[in-house]
Each structure stands twice: as structure tokens, then as C-alpha cells.
């Protein structure tokens, strides 16, 4: 069984084309495929299906657990569909567990995806790593985020172990650490639930964009250039709180899955 390995700002994925929704892969098999020491190695797994004639992104975290949405992953899926001839370039929709998302996909260059509503959830959230503790903003992008503003991204230490988070997150939470750069852009690091620290996070950058706007007391609409370790992304949030994520998507190689199943 052939799959494809790709990435969006080095947030990487294994993609399996299954338009007829016939392939069943277990949580344990996905965890083996995504394992960086014994498998192909990736942050997540995307099964591309087309139930009822509409594209659907069945997204799983590195540990095999379900996730509602992935902003980098959906761009990589869209690049696959266009590059492999399954979908014409231009504007089209991909359904996710967080709803229908519309993308603008050129034959080359960056892909834009309408990520939908980004909202602040008003509760008390605190994040701890070791003896360090910060207050955080709870942001909902269809999946949950806790955004922390810090002076020094390196001073927070190792993010491969989940930070302790006090807040209303029954299914876990992604945690973003953010700093303002002298040029007006943002830099960030992210811990993704079910994965660990990743090179980028699409929904995380949308959460960071809204949190940064609110943190600085600005009004919407707003545009932010955000720099996770893996690259550069742009997030536009309109006056109604709808976010558009703009960034690259790259297919790297085809890979054989049978050895892991």
C-alpha cells in the first residue's frame, strides 16, 4: 500500500488516498507509521476520503488519536489532490471534523484556507513547565489552544513533555508560546497534544493571531506574520473573527505502508 509523505512549514504528515473509504487502519498502526525511530516518522496521519462525493480529511495525531482539524495538514492534502490530478486547481472545499473548509489552491505557490471562526473562551487558564508558570488565553479554532506570551522562547525549556495546564480541556490542549519580534512579526513554539513539540501548527498560528490582537488591545481585522521553527505563515482575521491561513505545502516522496500494518 503506497502513501505519500509531505509537510507544511515542516509540520509533516503521511497521507493515504482512500476515496472509497475502504481502508481501515487502527490507532496502533498509525502510531507505528508516525513513529520517528521505527516508522516513517511524522506529526500526523491523513486519510483522504470522498464520502458522498465530497472530500474529507480523516486526521489523526502522531499517537493515533483523533483530531478535529489541522491547518498545515489540510493544505498538504489539497496540494496532493491538485498535484495528483484528483481535483482541479482553484477554490474547493475539504470537510473536516471541525466543519467544511474552503481552500484557494494554485498549481504552484502558497495555499490559502479559510479556517473559520476563531474565538476566545473566557476562563482561567494557567500553564506550567517545571517551576515556571504563566497565565494563558484559551482560544478555540475548532480545536483547543492555550496561548502564552513570553519574553524568551528558549527559556521555556523542553516541550516534548506535555506542559501542565489548568483549564477546561477535557480532550487535551495544544499550547503555544509566543513572543513579539522587533519587526512587528511573531515567533512561536508549540506543543501539540498527542505529538509533542512540532515545527509548526496551522490552527495554532490562528490562535496566536487572535490572542496577539487581543493582547495588544487591537481591533479586528488584523494580519499577522508568524514564524514557527519550521517556516513562515500569514494569518488574516476579518472583522467577524474568521481566520484565513496562508502558507506553503510540499509533497516529498511516496512511501510503502505495508511493513507497518
Protein backbone atom coordinates (compact mmCIF):
# COMPACT_ATOMS: atom_id res chain seq x y z
CA UNK A 1 0.00 0.00 0.00
CA UNK A 2 1.51 3.31 -1.11
CA UNK A 3 1.15 6.54 0.88
CA UNK A 4 2.76 9.96 0.49
CA UNK A 5 4.95 11.94 2.89
CA UNK A 6 4.67 15.74 2.85
CA UNK A 7 4.82 18.83 5.03
CA UNK A 8 3.59 22.37 5.57
CA UNK A 9 6.35 24.51 7.14
CA UNK A 10 7.90 21.20 8.28
CA UNK A 11 4.81 20.11 10.18
CA UNK A 12 4.87 16.70 8.49
CA UNK A 13 2.29 14.08 7.57
CA UNK A 14 1.76 10.69 5.99
CA UNK A 15 -1.18 10.87 3.54
CA UNK A 16 -3.21 7.87 2.36
CA UNK A 17 -5.54 8.27 -0.64
CA UNK A 18 -8.73 6.30 0.09
CA UNK A 19 -11.58 7.98 -1.86
CA UNK A 20 -13.93 5.00 -1.49
CA UNK A 21 -13.38 4.85 2.31
CA UNK A 22 -12.33 1.20 2.17
CA UNK A 23 -9.10 1.16 4.18
CA UNK A 24 -9.28 0.59 7.92
CA UNK A 25 -6.19 1.48 9.93
CA UNK A 26 -6.06 1.21 13.70
CA UNK A 27 -4.76 3.73 16.22
CA UNK A 28 -1.85 1.40 16.96
CA UNK A 29 -0.92 1.09 13.28
CA UNK A 30 -0.98 4.87 12.83
CA UNK A 31 1.25 5.28 15.88
CA UNK A 32 3.73 2.80 14.33
CA UNK A 33 3.68 4.60 10.97
CA UNK A 34 4.25 8.02 12.59
CA UNK A 35 6.96 6.83 14.99
CA UNK A 36 10.19 8.69 14.13
CA UNK A 37 12.50 5.92 15.35
CA UNK A 38 10.86 2.78 13.94
CA UNK A 39 8.32 4.06 11.39
CA UNK A 40 8.16 6.58 8.56
CA UNK A 41 8.06 9.41 11.08
CA UNK A 42 5.56 12.27 11.04
CA UNK A 43 3.49 14.57 13.23
CA UNK A 44 0.22 13.18 11.91
CA UNK A 45 -1.62 10.85 9.55
CA UNK A 46 -4.21 11.93 6.96
CA UNK A 47 -6.60 9.53 5.27
CA UNK A 48 -8.18 11.27 2.27
CA UNK A 49 -11.71 10.05 1.61
CA UNK A 50 -14.63 11.23 -0.54
CA UNK A 51 -17.91 10.11 1.05
CA UNK A 52 -20.97 11.35 -0.84
CA UNK A 53 -18.71 12.93 -3.46
CA UNK A 54 -17.14 15.41 -1.01
CA UNK A 55 -13.52 15.36 0.12
CA UNK A 56 -12.96 14.59 3.82
CA UNK A 57 -9.74 14.83 5.86
CA UNK A 58 -9.63 11.98 8.40
CA UNK A 59 -6.84 13.42 10.54
CA UNK A 60 -5.03 11.58 13.33
CA UNK A 61 -2.32 12.77 15.69
CA UNK A 62 1.05 11.06 15.89
CA UNK A 63 -0.21 8.73 18.63
CA UNK A 64 -3.22 7.70 16.53
CA UNK A 65 -5.77 9.78 18.43
CA UNK A 66 -8.45 11.76 16.58
CA UNK A 67 -8.06 15.49 15.95
CA UNK A 68 -10.69 17.94 14.78
CA UNK A 69 -8.59 19.98 12.37
CA UNK A 70 -5.05 20.65 11.15
CA UNK A 71 -4.32 23.85 9.21
CA UNK A 72 -1.00 22.67 7.80
CA UNK A 73 -2.31 19.18 7.09
CA UNK A 74 -5.32 20.35 5.10
CA UNK A 75 -3.06 22.43 2.85
CA UNK A 76 -0.84 19.40 2.22
CA UNK A 77 -3.92 17.31 1.42
CA UNK A 78 -5.12 20.00 -1.01
CA UNK A 79 -1.69 20.06 -2.68
CA UNK A 80 -1.87 16.26 -3.08
CA UNK A 81 -5.34 16.38 -4.65
CA UNK A 82 -4.32 19.03 -7.20
CA UNK A 83 -0.81 17.76 -7.95
CA UNK A 84 -2.00 14.16 -8.44
CA UNK A 85 -4.90 15.22 -10.68
CA UNK A 86 -7.81 14.32 -8.37
CA UNK A 87 -9.01 17.91 -8.10
CA UNK A 88 -8.66 20.97 -10.32
CA UNK A 89 -6.76 23.97 -9.04
CA UNK A 90 -8.74 26.93 -7.74
CA UNK A 91 -11.25 27.15 -4.90
CA UNK A 92 -12.72 23.97 -3.44
CA UNK A 93 -13.82 22.53 -0.09
CA UNK A 94 -12.46 19.81 2.18
CA UNK A 95 -14.63 18.65 5.05
CA UNK A 96 -13.10 18.06 8.50
CA UNK A 97 -14.30 17.16 11.99
CA UNK A 98 -14.34 20.93 12.59
CA UNK A 99 -16.59 21.54 9.58
CA UNK A 100 -16.20 22.40 5.91
CA UNK A 101 -13.07 24.41 4.98
CA UNK A 102 -12.63 26.25 1.67
CA UNK A 103 -9.18 26.49 0.12
CA UNK A 104 -7.67 28.51 -2.72
CA UNK A 105 -5.12 26.21 -4.34
CA UNK A 106 -2.93 27.44 -7.22
CA UNK A 107 -0.91 24.99 -9.28
CA UNK A 108 2.14 26.40 -7.50
CA UNK A 109 2.77 28.88 -4.69
CA UNK A 110 1.12 29.23 -1.27
CA UNK A 111 -2.28 27.80 -0.40
CA UNK A 112 -4.96 29.76 1.48
CA UNK A 113 -7.50 28.05 3.70
CA UNK A 114 -10.49 29.63 5.40
CA UNK A 115 -10.14 28.25 8.91
CA UNK A 116 -13.50 29.56 10.12
CA UNK A 117 -14.29 31.25 13.42
CA UNK A 118 -11.53 31.83 15.96
CA UNK A 119 -12.86 32.73 19.41
CA UNK A 120 -11.58 33.49 22.87
CA UNK A 121 -13.02 31.32 25.64
CA UNK A 122 -13.25 33.22 28.91
CA UNK A 123 -11.90 31.00 31.65
CA UNK A 124 -8.85 30.98 33.90
CA UNK A 125 -6.00 29.07 32.27
CA UNK A 126 -2.52 28.52 33.71
CA UNK A 127 0.38 26.67 32.09
CA UNK A 128 3.33 25.21 34.00
CA UNK A 129 6.66 23.71 32.97
CA UNK A 130 8.77 22.73 35.95
CA UNK A 131 8.92 25.70 38.30
CA UNK A 132 7.80 28.18 35.62
CA UNK A 133 4.14 29.24 35.43
CA UNK A 134 2.21 31.56 33.11
CA UNK A 135 -1.37 32.70 32.62
CA UNK A 136 -2.72 31.80 29.17
CA UNK A 137 -5.54 32.68 26.79
CA UNK A 138 -7.96 29.90 25.87
CA UNK A 139 -8.59 30.14 22.11
CA UNK A 140 -10.94 27.88 20.14
CA UNK A 141 -10.11 27.20 16.46
CA UNK A 142 -12.37 24.15 16.19
CA UNK A 143 -9.73 22.53 18.39
CA UNK A 144 -8.48 23.89 21.76
CA UNK A 145 -5.44 26.09 22.35
CA UNK A 146 -3.75 27.78 25.31
CA UNK A 147 -1.62 30.74 24.20
CA UNK A 148 1.18 32.04 26.44
CA UNK A 149 3.21 35.22 25.87
CA UNK A 150 6.86 35.08 26.93
CA UNK A 151 9.97 37.22 26.54
CA UNK A 152 12.31 34.36 25.56
CA UNK A 153 11.14 31.27 23.67
CA UNK A 154 14.25 29.29 24.55
CA UNK A 155 13.89 29.94 28.29
CA UNK A 156 10.74 27.80 28.46
CA UNK A 157 12.89 24.67 28.00
CA UNK A 158 11.91 21.29 26.60
CA UNK A 159 8.43 20.90 25.07
CA UNK A 160 8.48 17.20 24.27
CA UNK A 161 6.78 16.52 27.60
CA UNK A 162 3.30 17.99 27.86
CA UNK A 163 3.10 21.22 29.87
CA UNK A 164 0.74 21.07 32.84
CA UNK A 165 -2.40 23.06 32.01
CA UNK A 166 -5.14 24.16 34.40
CA UNK A 167 -8.25 24.89 32.34
CA UNK A 168 -11.34 23.36 30.78
CA UNK A 169 -9.75 20.96 28.28
CA UNK A 170 -11.39 17.52 28.63
CA UNK A 171 -9.70 16.19 25.44
CA UNK A 172 -6.31 17.82 25.97
CA UNK A 173 -4.94 21.06 24.54
CA UNK A 174 -2.33 22.48 22.18
CA UNK A 175 -0.07 25.02 23.90
CA UNK A 176 1.58 27.91 22.02
CA UNK A 177 4.39 30.08 23.42
CA UNK A 178 4.69 33.42 21.62
CA UNK A 179 6.97 36.44 21.55
CA UNK A 180 6.74 39.72 19.65
CA UNK A 181 9.64 40.41 17.26
CA UNK A 182 11.15 43.89 16.71
CA UNK A 183 9.86 43.92 13.11
CA UNK A 184 6.25 43.51 14.23
CA UNK A 185 6.06 39.81 13.39
CA UNK A 186 5.60 36.96 15.86
CA UNK A 187 7.73 33.93 16.75
CA UNK A 188 6.25 30.86 18.39
CA UNK A 189 6.86 27.37 19.67
CA UNK A 190 4.08 24.83 20.05
CA UNK A 191 3.28 21.65 21.94
CA UNK A 192 0.65 19.63 20.07
CA UNK A 193 -1.47 17.21 22.06
CA UNK A 194 -0.80 13.63 21.02
CA UNK A 195 2.52 14.61 19.41
CA UNK A 196 4.92 16.81 21.40
CA UNK A 197 6.77 19.87 20.13
CA UNK A 198 6.28 20.33 16.38
CA UNK A 199 7.95 22.57 13.82
CA UNK A 200 4.66 24.32 13.06
CA UNK A 201 0.92 24.27 13.77
CA UNK A 202 -1.65 25.84 11.44
CA UNK A 203 -4.53 26.07 13.88
CA UNK A 204 -2.01 27.21 16.49
CA UNK A 205 -0.95 30.18 14.37
CA UNK A 206 -4.62 31.19 14.04
CA UNK A 207 -5.00 31.00 17.82
CA UNK A 208 -1.82 33.05 18.21
CA UNK A 209 -3.07 35.67 15.74
CA UNK A 210 -6.27 36.30 17.70
CA UNK A 211 -4.54 36.16 21.08
CA UNK A 212 -1.87 38.63 19.91
CA UNK A 213 -4.52 41.05 18.62
CA UNK A 214 -6.33 40.93 21.95
CA UNK A 215 -3.08 41.07 23.93
CA UNK A 216 -2.11 44.33 22.25
CA UNK A 217 -5.60 45.78 22.60
CA UNK A 218 -6.12 46.00 18.85
CA UNK A 219 -9.38 45.60 16.99
CA UNK A 220 -10.14 43.22 14.14
CA UNK A 221 -9.47 42.90 11.23
CA UNK A 222 -5.82 42.04 11.70
CA UNK A 223 -2.96 40.42 9.78
CA UNK A 224 -0.02 38.68 11.44
CA UNK A 225 3.14 37.15 10.02
CA UNK A 226 4.02 34.25 12.32
CA UNK A 227 7.30 32.36 12.45
CA UNK A 228 7.20 28.89 13.99
CA UNK A 229 10.52 26.99 13.81
CA UNK A 230 9.54 25.35 10.50
CA UNK A 231 8.86 28.44 8.42
CA UNK A 232 6.66 31.46 7.85
CA UNK A 233 2.86 31.66 7.84
CA UNK A 234 0.38 34.51 7.41
CA UNK A 235 -2.92 34.72 9.26
CA UNK A 236 -5.67 37.19 8.37
CA UNK A 237 -8.59 37.59 10.77
CA UNK A 238 -11.53 39.59 9.47
CA UNK A 239 -13.87 41.82 11.45
CA UNK A 240 -16.11 38.87 12.29
CA UNK A 241 -13.32 36.69 13.70
CA UNK A 242 -12.92 34.40 10.69
CA UNK A 243 -9.31 33.37 10.05
CA UNK A 244 -7.55 32.68 6.75
CA UNK A 245 -4.25 30.79 6.92
CA UNK A 246 -1.75 31.25 4.08
CA UNK A 247 1.35 29.13 3.62
CA UNK A 248 3.24 26.51 1.62
CA UNK A 249 2.55 22.79 1.19
CA UNK A 250 5.08 20.30 -0.16
CA UNK A 251 4.86 16.65 -1.24
CA UNK A 252 8.22 14.99 -0.61
CA UNK A 253 8.01 11.31 -1.58
CA UNK A 254 5.83 8.21 -1.82
CA UNK A 255 6.29 5.60 0.91
CA UNK A 256 5.36 1.95 1.44
CA UNK A 257 2.98 1.30 4.37
CA UNK A 258 2.57 -2.49 4.36
CA UNK A 259 5.55 -3.14 6.63
CA UNK A 260 3.83 -1.16 9.43
CA UNK A 261 0.33 -2.69 9.10
